[in-house]
């Protein structure tokens, strides 16, 4: 059995593997990996954001599922946004209670093996010593310069008052101090007292101190369905994670047993499932049994809408973005974690919290502003989430751990990648294979595809002949990943990171 860590950043992966080398388990490693990721890549995640995790414990037959996402504040007011069509990304009402920190502690309390303090050490050291700025962080800091460097929490990200260049060193001593205090005092340091008051103040009391102190993660039941002999497990709504499984199941229903993937059928399977996302994906609370998204008859009805020879017109889900980090870990004892943590739109709302060194996410922008809609902004409600981690099992045993960032594109990227693995394609080839995404496909518009280079011309021609508009991209897209994957191959394990993102890194030992 192997110890494995795959993440979007080499420093995060190294942190996780060090925990495993020191006797920690996959849960410890995932937490340490995530903490470091929030330090070195705040454009993806951090303590101001939310978290979901699927946790596989060896010897059990299904994963545990943790929802550590927050709800809208008590003073959120839909009527005050009547002049907007969407919640502005930098508006205080775009911020829900950040769940990540209590999520880490919930994971650790139930499954951790090392001391929680040990999991913070590397992140705190990196804050003090500094780290090299990646190309993605550089671009994010450049884009948000005007807002971020005027705030106390952002000053250190702009050494000498300017955007750091790629490879320049940045220190985050304010964040390091906050992480040290969380490490010493526990999650209550973040969710009560001065920090919670500072968060509430930065949001003009739309999210109250009581909202923050009252937040706790929830252990919930994952969704699952069998596809090509494997069981896929995902987080339930309010996440859109089910779309990956729905797409693959519809495809399986229509599959004519060809070895090669029929791109038209796969794309139409996704479009059919996604066309109803905004109507059925919301915070069900205790009524998740009412969710139809993976019901076999429901999926069969969607498959009947697909024309195998022509693209069809489907309703288009809302255009919502993402700024996310997905990471996966596995330990030598067979435990594994599929974890995704997010600030949402890049660095999030860009609303900093005094001199605590972090920024708040804007997951609340996943709400709509439609009166009486089940996903409309409402105090205490959780917004639609794009986050889509997966775990796969065969005969009650762990088989694959896979996920990606990519906002609303996550099920598009994952369904194609996972389908290749389900059809027994080599992991490395699957990771390097050209991907597609689709921005616009509803109402009166045709299917408009973006295709990475390298796809066989016969496939491209077939798509165009069946009514898809094709935009042929000239290079692989870093926004189409990074996918991180751990899979079982025979009696051994393989792992791969995605070379579309230059900081992504995997270690197996």
Protein backbone atom coordinates (compact mmCIF):
# COMPACT_ATOMS: atom_id res chain seq x y z
CA UNK A 1 0.00 0.00 0.00
CA UNK A 2 1.20 3.50 -0.83
CA UNK A 3 1.16 6.95 0.69
CA UNK A 4 -0.09 9.44 -1.93
CA UNK A 5 -0.78 13.17 -2.07
CA UNK A 6 -1.93 15.12 -5.14
CA UNK A 7 -2.65 18.86 -4.99
CA UNK A 8 -2.54 22.04 -7.06
CA UNK A 9 0.75 23.22 -5.52
CA UNK A 10 4.07 21.53 -4.83
CA UNK A 11 4.38 23.07 -1.36
CA UNK A 12 0.92 21.78 -0.44
CA UNK A 13 1.73 18.28 -1.68
CA UNK A 14 5.04 18.28 0.18
CA UNK A 15 3.26 19.30 3.37
CA UNK A 16 0.83 16.43 3.06
CA UNK A 17 3.46 13.80 2.31
CA UNK A 18 5.56 14.96 5.26
CA UNK A 19 2.60 14.37 7.55
CA UNK A 20 2.25 10.85 6.16
CA UNK A 21 5.97 10.21 6.64
CA UNK A 22 5.62 11.34 10.25
CA UNK A 23 2.93 8.76 10.94
CA UNK A 24 -0.16 10.75 10.12
CA UNK A 25 -3.04 9.30 8.17
CA UNK A 26 -4.78 10.46 4.99
CA UNK A 27 -7.08 12.75 6.95
CA UNK A 28 -4.18 14.47 8.71
CA UNK A 29 -2.40 14.82 5.37
CA UNK A 30 -5.43 16.34 3.64
CA UNK A 31 -5.83 18.96 6.36
CA UNK A 32 -2.14 19.94 6.29
CA UNK A 33 -2.19 20.05 2.49
CA UNK A 34 -5.23 22.32 2.55
CA UNK A 35 -3.81 24.70 5.16
CA UNK A 36 -0.65 25.22 3.10
CA UNK A 37 -2.64 25.59 -0.12
CA UNK A 38 -4.52 28.53 1.42
CA UNK A 39 -1.20 30.18 2.27
CA UNK A 40 0.57 29.80 -1.07
CA UNK A 41 -2.46 30.07 -3.36
CA UNK A 42 -5.03 32.45 -1.84
CA UNK A 43 -6.51 32.83 -5.32
CA UNK A 44 -7.90 29.32 -4.85
CA UNK A 45 -8.77 28.79 -1.19
CA UNK A 46 -8.08 29.78 2.40
CA UNK A 47 -9.54 30.14 5.88
CA UNK A 48 -12.11 32.61 4.56
CA UNK A 49 -13.75 29.90 2.41
CA UNK A 50 -15.82 26.71 2.50
CA UNK A 51 -14.93 23.01 2.43
CA UNK A 52 -16.43 19.67 1.39
CA UNK A 53 -14.80 16.29 1.90
CA UNK A 54 -15.43 12.64 1.12
CA UNK A 55 -13.47 10.40 3.49
CA UNK A 56 -12.85 6.71 2.87
CA UNK A 57 -11.99 4.61 5.92
CA UNK A 58 -10.45 1.26 5.04
CA UNK A 59 -12.70 -1.66 5.97
CA UNK A 60 -15.92 0.29 5.43
CA UNK A 61 -17.98 0.16 2.25
CA UNK A 62 -18.91 3.79 1.63
CA UNK A 63 -17.31 7.18 2.30
CA UNK A 64 -18.17 9.66 5.01
CA UNK A 65 -19.31 13.02 3.67
CA UNK A 66 -18.61 16.36 5.36
CA UNK A 67 -20.45 19.55 4.44
CA UNK A 68 -18.52 22.42 5.97
CA UNK A 69 -20.10 25.20 3.93
CA UNK A 70 -21.69 28.26 5.47
CA UNK A 71 -25.06 29.96 5.28
CA UNK A 72 -26.18 33.50 4.55
CA UNK A 73 -26.10 35.99 7.39
CA UNK A 74 -29.06 36.92 9.55
CA UNK A 75 -29.20 40.38 8.02
CA UNK A 76 -29.05 39.32 4.39
CA UNK A 77 -31.92 41.08 2.62
CA UNK A 78 -33.04 40.07 -0.86
CA UNK A 79 -35.17 43.19 -1.30
CA UNK A 80 -32.15 45.49 -0.84
CA UNK A 81 -30.64 44.03 -4.02
CA UNK A 82 -33.68 44.68 -6.20
CA UNK A 83 -31.68 46.86 -8.60
CA UNK A 84 -29.27 44.00 -9.37
CA UNK A 85 -29.70 40.93 -11.57
CA UNK A 86 -27.03 39.05 -9.58
CA UNK A 87 -25.31 39.55 -6.24
CA UNK A 88 -22.19 41.70 -6.89
CA UNK A 89 -19.04 39.68 -6.26
CA UNK A 90 -17.59 42.24 -3.84
CA UNK A 91 -20.84 42.92 -1.96
CA UNK A 92 -21.01 41.90 1.73
CA UNK A 93 -24.10 39.82 0.89
CA UNK A 94 -21.92 37.67 -1.38
CA UNK A 95 -20.23 36.37 1.77
CA UNK A 96 -21.58 33.44 3.75
CA UNK A 97 -20.14 32.11 6.99
CA UNK A 98 -16.71 30.59 6.11
CA UNK A 99 -16.68 26.90 7.00
CA UNK A 100 -13.18 25.61 6.29
CA UNK A 101 -11.58 25.97 9.72
CA UNK A 102 -14.29 24.13 11.61
CA UNK A 103 -14.30 21.61 8.78
CA UNK A 104 -10.65 20.77 9.46
CA UNK A 105 -11.36 20.30 13.15
CA UNK A 106 -14.43 18.14 12.47
CA UNK A 107 -12.38 15.88 10.18
CA UNK A 108 -9.58 15.66 12.70
CA UNK A 109 -11.80 15.05 15.73
CA UNK A 110 -13.42 12.07 14.03
CA UNK A 111 -10.53 10.55 12.09
CA UNK A 112 -7.22 12.31 12.79
CA UNK A 113 -4.22 10.58 14.34
CA UNK A 114 -1.53 13.25 14.89
CA UNK A 115 -1.99 16.27 17.13
CA UNK A 116 -3.90 19.04 15.38
CA UNK A 117 -1.08 21.48 16.13
CA UNK A 118 1.26 19.34 14.03
CA UNK A 119 -0.89 19.94 10.96
CA UNK A 120 -0.39 23.72 11.10
CA UNK A 121 3.38 23.79 11.58
CA UNK A 122 4.45 23.78 7.93
CA UNK A 123 1.92 26.43 6.88
CA UNK A 124 3.00 28.72 9.71
CA UNK A 125 6.67 28.30 8.74
CA UNK A 126 5.91 29.12 5.10
CA UNK A 127 4.06 32.27 6.18
CA UNK A 128 7.18 33.38 8.06
CA UNK A 129 9.88 32.33 5.58
CA UNK A 130 7.92 33.27 2.49
CA UNK A 131 7.23 31.44 -0.76
CA UNK A 132 7.65 32.08 -4.47
CA UNK A 133 4.78 33.72 -6.31
CA UNK A 134 3.25 31.51 -9.01
CA UNK A 135 2.04 32.78 -12.36
CA UNK A 136 -1.58 32.33 -11.25
CA UNK A 137 -1.10 34.22 -7.99
CA UNK A 138 0.72 36.98 -9.87
CA UNK A 139 -2.21 37.37 -12.26
CA UNK A 140 -4.72 37.40 -9.43
CA UNK A 141 -2.81 40.01 -7.43
CA UNK A 142 -2.46 42.12 -10.54
CA UNK A 143 -6.19 41.89 -11.28
CA UNK A 144 -7.21 42.87 -7.73
CA UNK A 145 -4.37 45.25 -6.90
CA UNK A 146 -6.51 48.33 -6.40
CA UNK A 147 -8.71 46.62 -3.84
CA UNK A 148 -6.32 44.33 -2.01
CA UNK A 149 -3.27 46.45 -1.31
CA UNK A 150 -5.34 49.17 0.33
CA UNK A 151 -6.44 46.72 3.04
CA UNK A 152 -4.38 45.66 6.04
CA UNK A 153 -4.78 41.97 5.22
CA UNK A 154 -3.51 42.54 1.69
CA UNK A 155 -0.48 44.73 2.24
CA UNK A 156 1.99 41.87 2.61
CA UNK A 157 0.91 40.45 -0.74
CA UNK A 158 2.36 43.59 -2.36
CA UNK A 159 5.98 43.91 -1.18
CA UNK A 160 7.28 47.45 -1.72
CA UNK A 161 3.73 48.50 -2.61
CA UNK A 162 3.61 46.81 -6.01
CA UNK A 163 2.49 43.57 -7.62
CA UNK A 164 5.17 40.91 -7.01
CA UNK A 165 6.62 39.27 -10.10
CA UNK A 166 6.49 35.57 -10.86
CA UNK A 167 9.12 33.93 -8.65
CA UNK A 168 9.33 36.82 -6.20
CA UNK A 169 9.11 35.95 -2.50
CA UNK A 170 6.06 36.90 -0.46
CA UNK A 171 5.68 36.53 3.30
CA UNK A 172 2.31 36.37 5.07
CA UNK A 173 3.19 37.04 8.70
CA UNK A 174 -0.30 38.30 9.58
CA UNK A 175 -1.90 35.12 8.32
CA UNK A 176 0.85 33.12 10.06
CA UNK A 177 -0.09 34.73 13.38
CA UNK A 178 -3.76 33.91 12.80
CA UNK A 179 -2.95 30.29 11.94
CA UNK A 180 -0.73 30.03 15.04
CA UNK A 181 -3.57 31.27 17.24
CA UNK A 182 -6.01 28.82 15.64
CA UNK A 183 -3.44 26.07 16.18
CA UNK A 184 -2.99 27.00 19.85
CA UNK A 185 -6.59 27.85 20.75
CA UNK A 186 -8.65 25.70 18.38
CA UNK A 187 -11.37 26.66 15.95
CA UNK A 188 -13.20 28.76 18.54
CA UNK A 189 -10.46 31.35 18.13
CA UNK A 190 -11.73 31.91 14.57
CA UNK A 191 -15.45 31.54 15.23
CA UNK A 192 -15.81 33.59 18.40
CA UNK A 193 -14.34 36.66 20.05
CA UNK A 194 -12.32 39.26 18.20
CA UNK A 195 -11.95 37.38 14.90
CA UNK A 196 -15.67 36.74 14.49
CA UNK A 197 -16.37 40.35 15.41
CA UNK A 198 -13.85 41.52 12.83
CA UNK A 199 -15.44 39.30 10.17
CA UNK A 200 -18.87 40.68 11.01
CA UNK A 201 -17.60 44.27 11.02
CA UNK A 202 -16.02 43.82 7.59
CA UNK A 203 -19.43 42.68 6.33
CA UNK A 204 -21.34 45.60 7.93
CA UNK A 205 -22.99 43.10 10.29
CA UNK A 206 -24.86 41.34 7.48
CA UNK A 207 -23.24 38.19 8.86
CA UNK A 208 -23.41 38.58 12.64
CA UNK A 209 -20.99 37.31 15.26
CA UNK A 210 -23.74 34.96 16.39
CA UNK A 211 -24.09 33.59 12.85
CA UNK A 212 -20.39 32.79 12.89
CA UNK A 213 -20.16 31.30 16.39
CA UNK A 214 -23.26 29.17 15.73
CA UNK A 215 -21.80 27.51 12.64
CA UNK A 216 -20.85 23.83 12.75
CA UNK A 217 -20.12 21.38 9.92
CA UNK A 218 -22.55 18.59 9.12
CA UNK A 219 -21.84 14.92 8.51
CA UNK A 220 -24.28 13.95 5.80
CA UNK A 221 -25.02 11.01 3.49
CA UNK A 222 -23.20 11.04 0.14
CA UNK A 223 -25.05 10.36 -3.11
CA UNK A 224 -24.08 7.38 -5.23
CA UNK A 225 -24.92 5.43 -8.36
CA UNK A 226 -23.38 2.46 -10.20
CA UNK A 227 -21.77 3.23 -13.55
CA UNK A 228 -19.88 0.64 -15.64
CA UNK A 229 -19.53 -1.61 -12.60
CA UNK A 230 -18.10 1.02 -10.25
CA UNK A 231 -19.96 3.03 -7.61
CA UNK A 232 -19.47 6.77 -7.86
CA UNK A 233 -19.86 8.77 -4.62
CA UNK A 234 -20.39 12.54 -4.51
CA UNK A 235 -21.54 15.32 -2.20
CA UNK A 236 -25.30 16.03 -2.43
CA UNK A 237 -27.00 19.36 -3.17
CA UNK A 238 -26.59 22.15 -2.48
CA UNK A 239 -23.53 21.10 -4.53
CA UNK A 240 -23.75 20.32 -8.25
CA UNK A 241 -21.48 17.29 -7.76
CA UNK A 242 -24.24 14.90 -8.88
CA UNK A 243 -23.94 16.26 -12.44
CA UNK A 244 -20.74 14.25 -12.96
CA UNK A 245 -22.54 11.02 -12.11
CA UNK A 246 -25.71 12.01 -13.94
CA UNK A 247 -23.76 12.73 -17.13
CA UNK A 248 -21.91 9.44 -16.95
CA UNK A 249 -25.05 7.42 -16.18
CA UNK A 250 -26.98 8.96 -19.08
CA UNK A 251 -24.03 8.22 -21.34
CA UNK A 252 -23.96 4.61 -20.13
CA UNK A 253 -27.69 4.31 -20.90
CA UNK A 254 -26.98 5.42 -24.48
CA UNK A 255 -23.67 3.61 -24.94
CA UNK A 256 -23.55 1.21 -27.87
CA UNK A 257 -20.58 -0.63 -26.35
CA UNK A 258 -18.01 1.19 -28.45
CA UNK A 259 -14.51 1.21 -27.00
CA UNK A 260 -14.01 4.84 -28.02
CA UNK A 261 -15.98 7.65 -26.41
CA UNK A 262 -18.69 9.23 -28.55
CA UNK A 263 -18.11 12.91 -27.83
CA UNK A 264 -21.50 14.02 -29.14
CA UNK A 265 -23.34 11.65 -26.81
CA UNK A 266 -21.21 12.66 -23.82
CA UNK A 267 -21.70 16.37 -24.42
CA UNK A 268 -25.44 15.99 -24.95
CA UNK A 269 -25.65 13.86 -21.79
CA UNK A 270 -24.07 16.69 -19.83
CA UNK A 271 -26.27 19.33 -21.47
CA UNK A 272 -29.43 17.37 -20.70
CA UNK A 273 -28.51 16.95 -17.03
CA UNK A 274 -27.18 20.49 -16.56
CA UNK A 275 -30.23 22.07 -18.20
CA UNK A 276 -32.21 21.36 -15.03
CA UNK A 277 -29.47 22.12 -12.51
CA UNK A 278 -30.82 25.48 -11.39
CA UNK A 279 -34.28 24.05 -10.79
CA UNK A 280 -33.24 21.12 -8.60
CA UNK A 281 -29.91 22.15 -7.00
CA UNK A 282 -30.35 24.07 -3.78
CA UNK A 283 -30.23 23.71 0.01
CA UNK A 284 -32.69 20.88 0.75
CA UNK A 285 -31.99 20.92 4.48
CA UNK A 286 -33.53 17.78 5.94
CA UNK A 287 -35.51 17.05 2.76
CA UNK A 288 -32.70 15.69 0.58
CA UNK A 289 -34.84 12.61 -0.16
CA UNK A 290 -36.86 14.88 -2.45
CA UNK A 291 -33.83 15.44 -4.71
CA UNK A 292 -34.43 13.64 -8.04
CA UNK A 293 -31.04 14.16 -9.70
CA UNK A 294 -29.73 10.57 -9.57
CA UNK A 295 -33.06 8.78 -9.76
CA UNK A 296 -32.82 6.18 -12.53
CA UNK A 297 -36.20 7.03 -14.04
CA UNK A 298 -35.37 10.72 -14.01
CA UNK A 299 -32.06 10.08 -15.79
CA UNK A 300 -33.81 7.81 -18.27
CA UNK A 301 -36.24 10.61 -19.09
CA UNK A 302 -33.29 12.92 -19.76
CA UNK A 303 -31.64 10.33 -21.99
CA UNK A 304 -34.82 10.23 -24.07
CA UNK A 305 -34.32 13.93 -24.88
CA UNK A 306 -31.01 13.25 -26.61
CA UNK A 307 -30.77 12.96 -30.39
CA UNK A 308 -27.76 10.79 -31.21
CA UNK A 309 -27.43 12.46 -34.62
CA UNK A 310 -28.01 16.13 -33.80
CA UNK A 311 -27.38 18.61 -31.01
CA UNK A 312 -30.53 19.69 -29.21
CA UNK A 313 -31.69 22.85 -27.50
CA UNK A 314 -31.52 22.71 -23.70
CA UNK A 315 -32.04 25.31 -21.02
CA UNK A 316 -28.78 26.84 -19.91
CA UNK A 317 -27.70 26.86 -16.24
CA UNK A 318 -26.60 30.14 -14.72
CA UNK A 319 -23.09 31.30 -15.51
CA UNK A 320 -21.27 31.00 -12.19
CA UNK A 321 -17.51 30.99 -11.80
CA UNK A 322 -14.97 29.49 -9.45
CA UNK A 323 -11.74 29.82 -7.54
CA UNK A 324 -11.08 26.47 -6.00
CA UNK A 325 -8.47 23.97 -4.84
CA UNK A 326 -9.03 20.22 -5.05
CA UNK A 327 -6.65 17.80 -3.36
CA UNK A 328 -6.65 14.09 -2.64
CA UNK A 329 -4.69 11.91 -0.25
CA UNK A 330 -4.33 8.21 0.49
CA UNK A 331 -2.36 6.51 3.23
CA UNK A 332 -0.64 3.12 3.30
CA UNK A 333 -3.49 1.73 5.43
CA UNK A 334 -6.03 2.33 2.69
CA UNK A 335 -7.75 5.46 4.02
CA UNK A 336 -8.34 8.29 1.55
CA UNK A 337 -9.71 11.82 1.31
CA UNK A 338 -11.28 13.69 -1.59
CA UNK A 339 -11.27 17.32 -0.44
CA UNK A 340 -12.26 20.54 -2.14
CA UNK A 341 -11.95 24.00 -0.63
CA UNK A 342 -12.80 27.30 -2.19
CA UNK A 343 -12.80 31.07 -2.13
CA UNK A 344 -15.11 31.01 -5.18
CA UNK A 345 -14.28 33.82 -7.63
CA UNK A 346 -10.50 33.79 -7.47
CA UNK A 347 -9.47 35.40 -4.23
CA UNK A 348 -13.14 35.65 -3.29
CA UNK A 349 -15.00 38.80 -2.36
CA UNK A 350 -11.67 40.67 -1.91
CA UNK A 351 -13.05 41.75 1.47
CA UNK A 352 -10.19 41.48 3.96
CA UNK A 353 -10.53 40.98 7.71
CA UNK A 354 -8.55 43.72 9.47
CA UNK A 355 -4.93 42.62 10.00
CA UNK A 356 -5.69 38.90 10.33
CA UNK A 357 -4.18 38.27 6.90
CA UNK A 358 -7.08 36.62 5.08
CA UNK A 359 -9.95 37.41 2.75
CA UNK A 360 -13.53 36.21 2.71
CA UNK A 361 -15.00 34.06 -0.03
CA UNK A 362 -18.06 35.09 -2.04
CA UNK A 363 -19.91 31.78 -2.21
CA UNK A 364 -23.11 33.73 -1.59
CA UNK A 365 -22.93 34.81 -5.24
CA UNK A 366 -24.21 31.29 -5.93
CA UNK A 367 -27.64 32.46 -4.74
CA UNK A 368 -30.07 33.94 -7.23
CA UNK A 369 -32.32 36.95 -6.63
CA UNK A 370 -35.59 35.35 -7.70
CA UNK A 371 -38.29 35.85 -5.10
CA UNK A 372 -39.46 32.57 -3.51
CA UNK A 373 -36.95 30.45 -5.50
CA UNK A 374 -35.43 27.67 -3.32
CA UNK A 375 -31.95 29.00 -4.17
CA UNK A 376 -32.69 32.67 -3.59
CA UNK A 377 -30.76 34.65 -1.00
CA UNK A 378 -32.23 34.05 2.44
CA UNK A 379 -30.79 34.24 5.97
CA UNK A 380 -29.63 30.85 7.19
CA UNK A 381 -29.76 29.25 3.72
CA UNK A 382 -26.76 27.78 1.90
CA UNK A 383 -26.15 28.74 -1.76
CA UNK A 384 -25.75 26.48 -4.77
CA UNK A 385 -22.15 25.23 -4.80
CA UNK A 386 -20.17 24.23 -7.90
CA UNK A 387 -17.83 22.01 -5.86
CA UNK A 388 -17.75 18.43 -7.17
CA UNK A 389 -15.39 15.97 -5.41
CA UNK A 390 -15.72 12.26 -6.15
CA UNK A 391 -14.73 8.88 -4.72
CA UNK A 392 -15.22 5.56 -6.52
CA UNK A 393 -15.48 2.04 -5.15
CA UNK A 394 -15.75 -1.51 -6.50
CA UNK A 395 -17.25 -4.35 -4.44
CA UNK A 396 -17.07 -2.18 -1.33
CA UNK A 397 -13.39 -1.33 -1.80
CA UNK A 398 -11.78 2.01 -2.63
CA UNK A 399 -10.97 2.30 -6.34
CA UNK A 400 -10.51 5.96 -7.39
CA UNK A 401 -10.26 9.42 -5.79
CA UNK A 402 -10.74 12.20 -8.35
CA UNK A 403 -11.64 15.88 -8.53
CA UNK A 404 -10.80 19.26 -10.02
CA UNK A 405 -11.36 22.96 -9.73
CA UNK A 406 -13.21 24.73 -12.52
CA UNK A 407 -16.44 26.23 -11.20
CA UNK A 408 -19.45 25.22 -13.26
CA UNK A 409 -17.10 23.34 -15.62
CA UNK A 410 -16.17 20.73 -13.00
CA UNK A 411 -18.73 18.08 -14.11
CA UNK A 412 -17.75 18.67 -17.76
CA UNK A 413 -14.07 18.08 -17.06
CA UNK A 414 -14.63 15.20 -14.68
CA UNK A 415 -17.20 13.29 -16.72
CA UNK A 416 -14.88 13.12 -19.74
CA UNK A 417 -11.78 12.27 -17.70
CA UNK A 418 -13.51 9.64 -15.56
CA UNK A 419 -15.23 8.09 -18.58
CA UNK A 420 -11.81 7.45 -20.07
CA UNK A 421 -10.79 5.61 -16.91
CA UNK A 422 -14.06 3.67 -16.82
CA UNK A 423 -13.25 2.53 -20.35
CA UNK A 424 -9.80 1.43 -19.15
CA UNK A 425 -7.66 4.19 -20.65
CA UNK A 426 -4.21 4.64 -19.11
CA UNK A 427 -4.19 7.30 -16.34
CA UNK A 428 -1.39 9.39 -17.82
CA UNK A 429 -2.96 9.35 -21.27
CA UNK A 430 -6.32 10.31 -19.80
CA UNK A 431 -4.72 13.22 -17.96
CA UNK A 432 -3.04 14.58 -21.09
CA UNK A 433 -5.97 13.98 -23.44
CA UNK A 434 -7.63 17.08 -24.90
CA UNK A 435 -10.63 18.39 -22.96
CA UNK A 436 -13.68 20.41 -23.85
CA UNK A 437 -15.92 22.88 -22.17
CA UNK A 438 -19.16 24.51 -23.07
CA UNK A 439 -20.17 28.02 -22.03
CA UNK A 440 -23.36 28.59 -23.94
CA UNK A 441 -25.87 25.99 -24.99
CA UNK A 442 -29.36 27.02 -24.07
CA UNK A 443 -32.43 28.88 -25.20
CA UNK A 444 -32.05 29.65 -28.91
CA UNK A 445 -28.29 29.12 -28.98
CA UNK A 446 -26.61 26.08 -30.44
CA UNK A 447 -24.03 24.01 -28.61
CA UNK A 448 -20.85 26.11 -28.55
CA UNK A 449 -17.81 24.04 -27.67
CA UNK A 450 -14.26 24.99 -26.81
CA UNK A 451 -11.83 22.17 -27.67
CA UNK A 452 -8.23 21.81 -26.61
CA UNK A 453 -5.80 20.89 -29.41
CA UNK A 454 -5.02 17.29 -30.23
CA UNK A 455 -8.48 15.87 -30.78
CA UNK A 456 -8.78 13.66 -33.87
CA UNK A 457 -10.15 15.66 -36.81
CA UNK A 458 -12.75 12.97 -37.42
CA UNK A 459 -14.22 13.66 -33.99
CA UNK A 460 -14.21 17.41 -34.53
CA UNK A 461 -15.86 17.02 -37.93
CA UNK A 462 -18.48 14.69 -36.46
CA UNK A 463 -19.34 17.25 -33.77
CA UNK A 464 -19.76 20.01 -36.34
CA UNK A 465 -21.83 17.75 -38.60
CA UNK A 466 -24.15 17.11 -35.66
CA UNK A 467 -24.74 20.81 -35.07
CA UNK A 468 -22.11 21.81 -32.52
CA UNK A 469 -20.19 25.03 -33.07
CA UNK A 470 -16.50 24.35 -32.40
CA UNK A 471 -13.90 26.83 -31.21
CA UNK A 472 -10.53 25.13 -31.67
CA UNK A 473 -8.12 26.33 -28.98
CA UNK A 474 -4.41 26.55 -29.70
CA UNK A 475 -3.07 25.25 -26.38
CA UNK A 476 -4.06 23.33 -23.27
CA UNK A 477 -5.98 25.49 -20.80
CA UNK A 478 -4.95 25.81 -17.17
CA UNK A 479 -8.58 26.60 -16.37
CA UNK A 480 -9.49 23.06 -17.51
CA UNK A 481 -7.90 21.68 -14.37
CA UNK A 482 -5.89 20.83 -12.47
CA UNK A 483 -7.53 17.45 -12.15
CA UNK A 484 -5.99 15.40 -9.33
CA UNK A 485 -6.36 11.63 -9.39
CA UNK A 486 -5.51 8.53 -7.38
CA UNK A 487 -6.57 5.20 -8.91
CA UNK A 488 -6.12 1.51 -8.24
CA UNK A 489 -4.41 -0.45 -11.01
CA UNK A 490 -4.40 -4.15 -10.33
CA UNK A 491 -2.90 -4.62 -6.89
CA UNK A 492 -1.03 -1.29 -6.90
CA UNK A 493 -1.95 2.40 -6.87
CA UNK A 494 -1.22 5.16 -9.36
CA UNK A 495 -1.50 8.92 -9.03
CA UNK A 496 -1.26 11.85 -11.39
CA UNK A 497 -1.32 15.61 -11.24
CA UNK A 498 -2.31 17.82 -14.15
CA UNK A 499 0.46 19.51 -16.13
CA UNK A 500 -1.97 22.20 -17.30
CA UNK A 501 -1.12 24.00 -14.06
CA UNK A 502 2.59 24.49 -13.48
CA UNK A 503 2.39 24.36 -9.68
CA UNK A 504 0.43 21.06 -9.53
CA UNK A 505 2.34 18.19 -7.97
CA UNK A 506 1.89 14.57 -6.91
CA UNK A 507 3.94 12.24 -4.75
CA UNK A 508 3.49 8.49 -4.36
CA UNK A 509 5.76 6.48 -2.08
